[in-house]
Protein backbone atom coordinates (compact mmCIF):
# COMPACT_ATOMS: atom_id res chain seq x y z
CA MET A 1 -58.35 42.08 74.32
CA LYS A 2 -61.63 43.90 73.89
CA ARG A 3 -62.17 45.28 70.43
CA THR A 4 -65.10 47.60 71.02
CA ALA A 5 -63.51 50.52 69.20
CA ILE A 6 -62.73 48.36 66.20
CA ALA A 7 -66.25 46.97 66.04
CA ALA A 8 -67.64 50.49 66.21
CA SER A 9 -65.33 51.61 63.42
CA ALA A 10 -66.39 48.70 61.24
CA ALA A 11 -70.06 49.40 61.93
CA LEU A 12 -69.69 53.03 60.92
CA LEU A 13 -67.89 52.01 57.76
CA LEU A 14 -70.65 49.62 56.74
CA LEU A 15 -73.67 51.77 57.62
CA PRO A 16 -75.63 52.95 54.59
CA LEU A 17 -75.11 56.59 53.73
CA SER A 18 -78.08 58.90 53.97
CA ALA A 19 -78.66 61.81 51.64
CA CYS A 20 -76.53 60.31 48.92
CA GLY A 21 -76.68 63.41 46.77
CA GLY A 22 -76.12 63.65 43.04
CA SER A 23 -73.19 63.57 40.70
CA ALA A 24 -69.88 65.14 41.61
CA GLU A 25 -70.01 66.92 38.28
CA ALA A 26 -71.16 70.48 38.79
CA GLY A 27 -71.66 73.50 36.61
CA ASP A 28 -74.04 75.36 34.34
CA GLY A 29 -74.22 72.74 31.60
CA ARG A 30 -71.29 74.03 29.60
CA THR A 31 -68.89 74.18 32.57
CA VAL A 32 -68.24 70.77 34.14
CA THR A 33 -66.29 70.21 37.36
CA ILE A 34 -64.56 66.84 37.73
CA THR A 35 -63.84 65.91 41.35
CA VAL A 36 -60.76 63.82 42.10
CA GLY A 37 -60.11 62.38 45.55
CA TYR A 38 -56.49 61.70 46.38
CA GLN A 39 -54.12 61.25 49.32
CA SER A 40 -51.25 63.69 49.03
CA LYS A 41 -49.12 62.06 51.73
CA THR A 42 -49.74 58.52 50.47
CA ILE A 43 -46.98 59.11 47.98
CA ASN A 44 -47.25 55.95 45.91
CA THR A 45 -50.48 57.43 44.50
CA VAL A 46 -48.73 60.57 43.22
CA THR A 47 -49.13 59.73 39.52
CA ALA A 48 -52.89 59.97 40.04
CA GLY A 49 -52.73 62.69 42.68
CA THR A 50 -50.01 64.96 44.01
CA LEU A 51 -47.54 64.79 41.11
CA LEU A 52 -50.26 64.71 38.46
CA ARG A 53 -51.84 67.77 40.01
CA SER A 54 -48.57 69.69 40.15
CA LEU A 55 -47.77 68.88 36.52
CA GLY A 56 -51.18 70.01 35.26
CA TYR A 57 -51.44 67.25 32.67
CA PHE A 58 -55.07 66.36 33.41
CA GLU A 59 -56.29 69.95 33.10
CA ARG A 60 -54.30 70.35 29.87
CA ASP A 61 -55.83 67.20 28.34
CA LEU A 62 -59.34 68.20 29.40
CA ASN A 63 -58.90 71.57 27.71
CA ALA A 64 -57.86 69.74 24.54
CA LEU A 65 -61.14 67.78 24.31
CA HIS A 66 -62.99 70.62 22.52
CA ASP A 67 -66.36 68.93 23.10
CA GLY A 68 -68.33 72.06 23.87
CA HIS A 69 -67.62 71.94 27.62
CA THR A 70 -65.29 73.90 29.83
CA TYR A 71 -63.73 71.61 32.43
CA LYS A 72 -62.50 72.37 35.92
CA VAL A 73 -60.85 69.92 38.30
CA ASP A 74 -61.58 69.93 42.03
CA TRP A 75 -58.74 68.08 43.78
CA GLN A 76 -59.82 66.87 47.24
CA ASP A 77 -57.07 65.68 49.59
CA TYR A 78 -57.68 63.01 52.26
CA ALA A 79 -55.52 61.12 54.75
CA THR A 80 -56.91 57.65 53.94
CA GLY A 81 -59.09 55.92 51.38
CA ALA A 82 -62.21 55.53 53.55
CA PRO A 83 -63.53 59.11 53.18
CA ILE A 84 -62.88 58.98 49.44
CA THR A 85 -65.09 55.89 49.22
CA ALA A 86 -67.78 57.61 51.30
CA GLN A 87 -67.77 60.60 48.96
CA MET A 88 -67.74 58.42 45.84
CA THR A 89 -70.77 56.40 46.93
CA ALA A 90 -72.49 59.70 47.76
CA GLY A 91 -71.88 60.77 44.17
CA LYS A 92 -69.53 63.56 45.22
CA ILE A 93 -66.20 62.23 43.91
CA ASP A 94 -65.76 60.95 40.35
CA ILE A 95 -62.26 59.44 40.49
CA GLY A 96 -60.27 58.36 43.55
CA SER A 97 -56.98 56.67 44.44
CA MET A 98 -56.38 54.38 47.40
CA GLY A 99 -54.67 51.19 48.58
CA ASP A 100 -55.63 47.61 47.83
CA PHE A 101 -57.63 46.95 51.00
CA PRO A 102 -59.55 50.27 50.77
CA LEU A 103 -60.18 49.46 47.10
CA LEU A 104 -62.00 46.29 48.14
CA ILE A 105 -64.09 48.26 50.63
CA ASN A 106 -64.75 50.74 47.83
CA ALA A 107 -66.03 47.87 45.67
CA ALA A 108 -68.17 46.43 48.47
CA ARG A 109 -69.68 49.80 49.43
CA GLY A 110 -70.44 50.69 45.83
CA LYS A 111 -72.27 47.42 45.25
CA GLN A 112 -74.09 47.64 48.60
CA LEU A 113 -75.46 51.10 47.81
CA GLY A 114 -76.15 50.49 44.14
CA LYS A 115 -73.39 52.92 43.17
CA PRO A 116 -70.79 50.55 41.66
CA THR A 117 -67.18 51.56 41.18
CA HIS A 118 -64.37 50.00 39.16
CA LEU A 119 -60.61 49.67 39.50
CA VAL A 120 -59.40 51.35 36.30
CA SER A 121 -55.62 51.61 36.77
CA VAL A 122 -52.72 51.08 39.18
CA THR A 123 -50.45 53.75 40.64
CA GLY A 124 -47.58 52.33 42.75
CA TYR A 125 -46.98 48.71 43.71
CA ASN A 126 -44.49 46.41 45.41
CA LEU A 127 -44.64 42.75 44.49
CA ARG A 128 -43.37 41.60 47.90
CA GLY A 129 -45.43 43.92 50.13
CA GLY A 130 -42.70 46.40 51.09
CA LEU A 131 -45.02 49.42 50.99
CA ASN A 132 -46.21 48.67 54.53
CA THR A 133 -43.97 48.53 57.60
CA ILE A 134 -44.42 47.96 61.32
CA VAL A 135 -42.28 50.31 63.40
CA THR A 136 -41.63 50.86 67.07
CA SER A 137 -40.05 53.65 69.09
CA PRO A 138 -36.27 54.17 68.78
CA GLY A 139 -35.62 53.10 72.37
CA SER A 140 -37.92 50.08 72.31
CA LYS A 141 -36.49 46.70 73.30
CA LEU A 142 -38.85 44.94 70.89
CA SER A 143 -36.91 43.04 68.24
CA SER A 144 -39.56 40.79 66.68
CA LEU A 145 -43.31 40.48 66.24
CA THR A 146 -43.60 37.90 69.00
CA GLY A 147 -42.86 40.69 71.46
CA LEU A 148 -46.09 42.46 70.46
CA LYS A 149 -48.29 39.92 72.22
CA GLY A 150 -50.50 41.75 74.71
CA ARG A 151 -49.24 45.17 73.60
CA LYS A 152 -50.91 48.19 72.00
CA VAL A 153 -50.46 48.50 68.24
CA SER A 154 -51.76 51.47 66.25
CA THR A 155 -53.00 51.07 62.68
CA SER A 156 -55.84 52.27 60.44
CA ILE A 157 -58.53 49.61 60.32
CA GLY A 158 -59.32 48.55 56.76
CA SER A 159 -56.05 49.91 55.35
CA ALA A 160 -53.32 47.97 53.56
CA ALA A 161 -51.12 48.46 56.64
CA ASP A 162 -53.78 46.81 58.78
CA GLY A 163 -53.80 43.89 56.36
CA THR A 164 -50.04 43.57 56.72
CA LEU A 165 -50.37 43.63 60.51
CA VAL A 166 -53.03 40.91 60.51
CA ARG A 167 -51.07 38.61 58.23
CA ALA A 168 -47.75 39.21 59.99
CA LEU A 169 -49.27 38.46 63.41
CA GLN A 170 -50.87 35.29 62.09
CA ARG A 171 -47.52 34.09 60.77
CA ALA A 172 -45.95 34.88 64.13
CA GLY A 173 -48.55 32.76 65.88
CA ILE A 174 -50.42 35.71 67.44
CA ASP A 175 -54.19 36.02 67.17
CA PRO A 176 -54.73 39.44 65.51
CA ASP A 177 -58.15 39.74 67.18
CA HIS A 178 -57.20 38.91 70.76
CA GLY A 179 -53.43 38.71 70.96
CA ILE A 180 -52.84 42.47 70.83
CA GLU A 181 -54.77 45.62 71.67
CA LYS A 182 -55.34 47.21 68.31
CA LEU A 183 -55.76 50.99 68.23
CA ASN A 184 -57.75 52.22 65.24
CA GLN A 185 -56.11 55.57 64.45
CA GLN A 186 -55.34 57.87 61.56
CA PRO A 187 -51.64 57.68 60.58
CA ALA A 188 -50.73 61.04 62.13
CA VAL A 189 -52.54 60.17 65.37
CA GLY A 190 -50.79 56.79 65.49
CA ALA A 191 -47.42 58.45 64.97
CA SER A 192 -48.10 60.75 67.89
CA ALA A 193 -49.25 57.82 70.02
CA LEU A 194 -46.00 56.00 69.28
CA SER A 195 -43.95 59.05 70.26
CA ALA A 196 -45.99 59.55 73.44
CA GLY A 197 -45.63 55.92 74.49
CA SER A 198 -49.36 55.20 74.34
CA ALA A 199 -48.74 52.75 71.49
CA ASP A 200 -45.99 50.13 71.50
CA ALA A 201 -45.86 49.81 67.72
CA LEU A 202 -47.33 51.36 64.60
CA SER A 203 -48.30 49.55 61.39
CA GLN A 204 -48.72 52.02 58.55
CA PHE A 205 -48.45 52.52 54.83
CA VAL A 206 -46.15 54.69 52.76
CA ALA A 207 -44.80 57.25 53.65
CA TRP A 208 -45.28 57.16 57.42
CA PRO A 209 -42.77 54.42 58.39
CA GLY A 210 -40.01 55.95 56.29
CA LEU A 211 -40.82 59.45 57.53
CA LEU A 212 -40.67 58.44 61.20
CA ALA A 213 -37.44 56.50 60.67
CA TYR A 214 -35.89 59.45 58.82
CA GLN A 215 -36.88 61.78 61.67
CA GLY A 216 -35.39 59.42 64.24
CA LYS A 217 -38.82 58.89 65.80
CA ALA A 218 -39.12 55.18 64.98
CA LYS A 219 -37.22 52.11 63.91
CA ALA A 220 -38.43 49.24 61.76
CA LEU A 221 -39.71 46.14 63.51
CA TYR A 222 -41.18 44.29 60.53
CA ASP A 223 -40.63 44.72 56.80
CA GLY A 224 -43.91 44.08 54.98
CA ALA A 225 -41.94 42.48 52.16
CA GLN A 226 -41.33 39.51 54.46
CA LEU A 227 -44.88 38.45 53.57
CA ASN A 228 -43.87 38.18 49.92
CA LEU A 229 -47.38 39.19 48.87
CA PRO A 230 -48.01 42.04 46.40
CA THR A 231 -49.46 45.28 47.67
CA PHE A 232 -50.48 48.26 45.57
CA HIS A 233 -52.52 51.43 45.23
CA GLY A 234 -54.86 52.09 42.36
CA VAL A 235 -57.42 54.36 40.75
CA THR A 236 -61.14 53.73 41.12
CA ALA A 237 -63.90 55.45 39.21
CA ARG A 238 -67.67 55.49 39.63
CA ALA A 239 -69.26 53.27 36.99
CA ASP A 240 -71.91 55.85 36.09
CA PHE A 241 -69.24 58.53 35.66
CA ALA A 242 -67.11 56.26 33.44
CA GLN A 243 -70.13 55.52 31.25
CA ARG A 244 -71.26 59.14 31.05
CA ARG A 245 -67.82 60.74 30.63
CA PRO A 246 -65.57 58.14 28.95
CA THR A 247 -63.48 60.82 27.23
CA VAL A 248 -62.80 62.49 30.58
CA LEU A 249 -61.68 59.22 32.16
CA ASP A 250 -59.57 58.56 29.07
CA ALA A 251 -57.93 61.96 29.50
CA PHE A 252 -57.24 61.21 33.18
CA LEU A 253 -55.60 57.85 32.43
CA LYS A 254 -53.49 59.29 29.63
CA ALA A 255 -52.38 62.08 31.95
CA GLN A 256 -51.60 59.52 34.67
CA ALA A 257 -49.44 57.55 32.24
CA GLU A 258 -47.59 60.71 31.26
CA ALA A 259 -47.04 61.60 34.93
CA THR A 260 -45.66 58.07 35.41
CA ASP A 261 -43.24 58.61 32.53
CA TYR A 262 -42.19 61.93 34.06
CA LEU A 263 -41.51 60.29 37.43
CA GLU A 264 -39.41 57.57 35.81
CA ALA A 265 -37.44 60.02 33.68
CA HIS A 266 -36.96 62.63 36.42
CA PRO A 267 -37.13 60.79 39.79
CA VAL A 268 -35.27 63.44 41.78
CA ALA A 269 -37.24 66.33 40.31
CA ALA A 270 -40.46 64.40 40.91
CA ALA A 271 -39.48 63.81 44.53
CA GLU A 272 -38.83 67.52 44.98
CA LYS A 273 -42.21 68.41 43.46
CA VAL A 274 -44.05 65.99 45.73
CA ALA A 275 -42.08 67.20 48.75
CA LYS A 276 -43.01 70.81 48.00
CA ALA A 277 -46.69 69.94 47.68
CA THR A 278 -46.87 67.75 50.81
CA ASP A 279 -44.25 69.20 53.18
CA LEU A 280 -42.69 65.73 53.34
CA PRO A 281 -38.88 65.60 53.19
CA ALA A 282 -37.79 64.93 49.61
CA GLU A 283 -35.40 62.30 50.99
CA VAL A 284 -38.40 60.32 52.28
CA VAL A 285 -40.33 60.72 49.03
CA TYR A 286 -37.33 59.39 47.11
CA LEU A 287 -37.07 56.36 49.41
CA TYR A 288 -40.42 55.20 48.05
CA ASN A 289 -40.67 56.87 44.64
CA GLY A 290 -37.05 56.97 43.48
CA ALA A 291 -35.38 55.16 40.60
CA HIS A 292 -34.97 52.03 42.77
CA GLY A 293 -37.54 52.97 45.39
CA ILE A 294 -39.86 50.72 47.34
CA SER A 295 -42.69 51.55 44.96
CA THR A 296 -42.82 50.80 41.24
CA PHE A 297 -45.20 52.94 39.20
CA ASP A 298 -47.16 51.51 36.29
CA PRO A 299 -50.82 52.10 35.37
CA ALA A 300 -51.22 48.58 33.93
CA ILE A 301 -53.41 46.26 36.01
CA LYS A 302 -51.07 43.29 36.34
CA PRO A 303 -52.46 39.79 36.96
CA GLN A 304 -50.28 39.41 40.09
CA LEU A 305 -52.01 42.42 41.63
CA VAL A 306 -55.50 41.17 40.80
CA SER A 307 -54.59 37.80 42.32
CA ALA A 308 -53.36 39.53 45.48
CA LEU A 309 -56.56 41.55 45.65
CA LYS A 310 -58.56 38.33 45.68
CA GLN A 311 -56.43 37.00 48.55
CA ASP A 312 -57.03 40.22 50.49
CA VAL A 313 -60.79 39.62 50.65
CA SER A 314 -60.45 36.97 53.38
CA VAL A 315 -58.55 39.39 55.63
CA LEU A 316 -61.26 42.04 55.36
CA LYS A 317 -63.94 39.41 55.98
CA SER A 318 -62.14 38.28 59.14
CA GLU A 319 -62.14 41.91 60.30
CA LYS A 320 -65.88 42.05 59.51
CA LEU A 321 -65.31 44.99 57.18
CA THR A 322 -66.77 43.34 54.07
CA GLY A 323 -68.51 40.21 52.93
CA ASP A 324 -67.55 38.53 49.68
CA VAL A 325 -66.24 40.88 46.99
CA ASP A 326 -66.49 40.04 43.29
CA VAL A 327 -63.02 41.19 42.32
CA ASP A 328 -63.40 40.19 38.67
CA SER A 329 -66.39 42.48 38.19
CA PHE A 330 -64.68 45.30 40.11
CA VAL A 331 -61.51 45.23 37.99
CA ASP A 332 -62.11 46.87 34.62
CA ASP A 333 -59.02 47.45 32.49
CA ARG A 334 -60.93 48.49 29.35
CA TYR A 335 -60.35 52.17 29.97
CA VAL A 336 -56.63 52.01 30.67
CA ARG A 337 -56.10 49.65 27.73
CA LYS A 338 -57.80 52.13 25.44
CA ALA A 339 -55.93 55.10 26.93
CA LEU A 340 -52.50 53.48 26.54
CA GLY A 341 -53.15 51.71 23.25
CA THR A 342 -50.30 49.57 21.95
CA ASP A 343 -48.14 50.65 24.90
CA TYR A 344 -50.34 48.73 27.31
CA ALA A 345 -48.92 45.28 26.51
CA LYS A 346 -45.37 46.53 27.12
CA ARG A 347 -46.35 48.05 30.45
CA LEU A 348 -48.22 44.91 31.45
CA ALA A 349 -45.11 42.80 30.85
CA SER A 350 -42.71 45.21 32.57
CA ALA A 351 -41.00 44.31 35.87
CA PRO A 352 -39.70 46.42 38.74
CA PRO A 353 -36.10 47.65 38.41
CA ALA A 354 -33.45 45.63 40.20
CA ALA A 355 -32.72 46.68 43.78
CA ALA A 356 -29.73 49.00 44.02
CA SER A 357 -27.83 51.23 46.43
CA GLU A 358 -27.98 54.98 45.83
CA VAL A 359 -26.52 58.14 47.32
CA TRP A 360 -28.12 61.54 46.93
CA PRO A 361 -25.28 64.07 47.28
CA LYS A 362 -26.03 67.50 48.70
CA GLY A 363 -26.68 70.07 46.01
CA SER A 364 -27.10 67.45 43.28
CA GLU A 365 -30.08 66.98 41.00
CA GLN A 366 -29.30 63.32 40.50
CA THR A 367 -28.25 60.33 42.57
CA ILE A 368 -25.22 58.06 42.30
CA GLY A 369 -25.71 54.31 42.02
CA PHE A 370 -23.44 51.63 43.47
CA LYS A 371 -23.04 47.94 42.73
CA SER A 372 -23.06 46.96 46.39
CA PRO A 373 -23.95 48.39 49.81
CA ALA A 374 -20.27 48.14 50.77
CA GLN A 375 -19.30 50.42 47.89
CA LEU A 376 -21.96 52.89 48.96
CA LEU A 377 -20.61 52.86 52.51
CA GLY A 378 -17.12 53.56 51.17
CA TYR A 379 -18.41 56.60 49.32
CA VAL A 380 -20.38 57.83 52.34
CA ALA A 381 -17.35 57.42 54.61
CA ALA A 382 -15.29 59.55 52.23
CA HIS A 383 -17.97 62.25 51.83
CA LYS A 384 -19.57 62.40 55.29
CA ASN A 385 -20.50 66.08 55.05
CA GLY A 386 -21.71 65.88 51.46
CA ILE A 387 -24.50 63.33 51.75
CA ARG A 388 -28.15 64.30 51.58
CA ALA A 389 -29.39 60.70 51.82
CA ALA A 390 -28.06 57.18 51.31
CA TYR A 391 -30.28 54.22 50.42
CA VAL A 392 -29.59 50.48 50.53
CA PRO A 393 -31.77 47.45 49.71
CA ASP A 394 -32.50 44.81 52.35
CA ALA A 395 -30.25 41.81 51.64
CA THR A 396 -33.16 39.37 51.69
CA THR A 397 -36.31 41.30 50.70
CA GLY A 398 -34.85 44.03 48.50
CA THR A 399 -36.81 46.74 50.35
CA LEU A 400 -34.95 50.06 50.14
CA TRP A 401 -34.12 51.74 53.44
CA PHE A 402 -31.98 54.57 54.74
CA ALA A 403 -28.41 53.33 55.18
CA ASP A 404 -28.03 54.96 58.59
CA ARG A 405 -31.31 53.40 59.80
CA ALA A 406 -30.62 49.88 58.52
CA VAL A 407 -29.49 46.92 60.62
CA TRP A 408 -26.01 46.01 59.37
CA VAL A 409 -24.44 42.56 59.32
CA ALA A 410 -20.79 41.73 58.69
CA ASP A 411 -20.32 38.37 56.96
CA GLY A 412 -16.61 38.05 56.32
CA LYS A 413 -15.78 40.96 54.03
CA ARG A 414 -19.40 41.43 53.06
CA LEU A 415 -21.50 44.22 54.58
CA LEU A 416 -25.20 43.49 54.37
CA PRO A 417 -28.12 45.81 55.26
CA PHE A 418 -31.51 44.75 56.61
CA VAL A 419 -34.64 46.77 57.29
CA ALA A 420 -35.64 44.94 60.47
CA PRO A 421 -33.71 43.19 63.26
CA ALA A 422 -35.59 39.91 62.79
CA THR A 423 -34.39 39.46 59.20
CA ALA A 424 -30.83 40.32 60.23
CA LYS A 425 -31.05 37.76 63.03
CA ALA A 426 -32.38 35.14 60.63
CA TYR A 427 -29.41 35.75 58.35
CA THR A 428 -26.79 35.54 61.08
CA ALA A 429 -28.39 32.35 62.40
CA ALA A 430 -28.01 30.75 58.98
CA HIS A 431 -24.47 32.01 58.29
CA GLY A 432 -21.81 31.04 60.79
CA GLY A 433 -19.50 33.89 61.69
CA ALA A 434 -21.90 36.59 60.52
CA ARG A 435 -22.79 39.16 63.17
CA VAL A 436 -24.75 42.36 63.61
CA ILE A 437 -22.63 45.52 63.75
CA THR A 438 -23.39 49.20 64.18
CA TYR A 439 -23.65 51.63 61.29
CA ALA A 440 -20.47 53.33 62.49
CA GLU A 441 -18.65 49.99 62.44
CA ALA A 442 -19.96 49.32 58.93
CA LEU A 443 -18.66 52.70 57.74
CA GLY A 444 -15.31 51.99 59.38
CA ARG A 445 -15.00 48.62 57.67
CA ALA A 446 -15.86 50.14 54.28
CA SER A 447 -13.48 53.12 54.50
């Protein structure tokens, strides 16, 4: 298929910026404004964006510096990482958060323009890649990636979701350049295209797949965790800003760590805060950011994530979005190590919580955990009118999904959930007697 639109998008992304302006810091000398670029609806960046902003920790810590300056924070909200990078290299944003693929473009653009940036911390991550999902319309007959050959697929070029699409297609034996017609669209535009039938599938990052599934506007076609490759979002800072205002960056990273602790200690309250700030359903926020959600939050820059970042470079090069990227010089954990002190080693060694089934009862400020999906179904069947949301982990990838949107398999007395039909089919093919059943049948068997 012709890829004119994609080539044009890549060209625009790589063009040098004119009128690159000065520092994002503004004021009269005593008053300093720190500009933070974030993505409110990319909810696995909330500890450096939406949640952090609502908690006010950064502003509080800046006010405690007592260095002769009065600080103000200008929070700038964007839909994707690309405009944040553009503003950072123009000197108009000091600190930004974005996904792994946009981070690499951020590194490449900064070096290209002589305005280097550094990865200084991590927000949310998933070690298997479950933050990105390919979905299709609810009535679609597509059941695997092989069915996408020759079809229109919407994604955001240069995003982590685009990286997932490229890798998934390659594994399915489909040329990602010529085997599909790729539509380069913002997430909201792609969601509309899917609903209108002008796109056959949508590959996007958190929280769009879960949101569309929750709304009944899409169903999962491919679970990004099938790639078994880490994906994450992180915080990038301009090198000149970090050198000029190290105490400000230190305050930001300490505030981010505190926001992370708040999210872990109060996952339901955090989901409600993020939902209020973004107009996303709290049930969708919790799917990703909950106690056993798809995303794990930790500011430590883990070696597995740096290794994955290095592997991502080849995908961006194949898309002609970057050349080589020196990941080792881009990653700079000095600041987060200093901010977290002796706690850093513990965070670096920490692992994601074990996958688990959870029910969020109506009117409750906490969820109920279950040892198995079958036990959860039994509870749901007995409290049908009292359930706000029910979550179950995919039996093979561990990716959390809504129980009523999962593909269910009966294997003897076992009831097993899967995010996508292909993984359910793979399981039934390997287990004689196992078969796919409806959600209603699963509830009936569990009651």
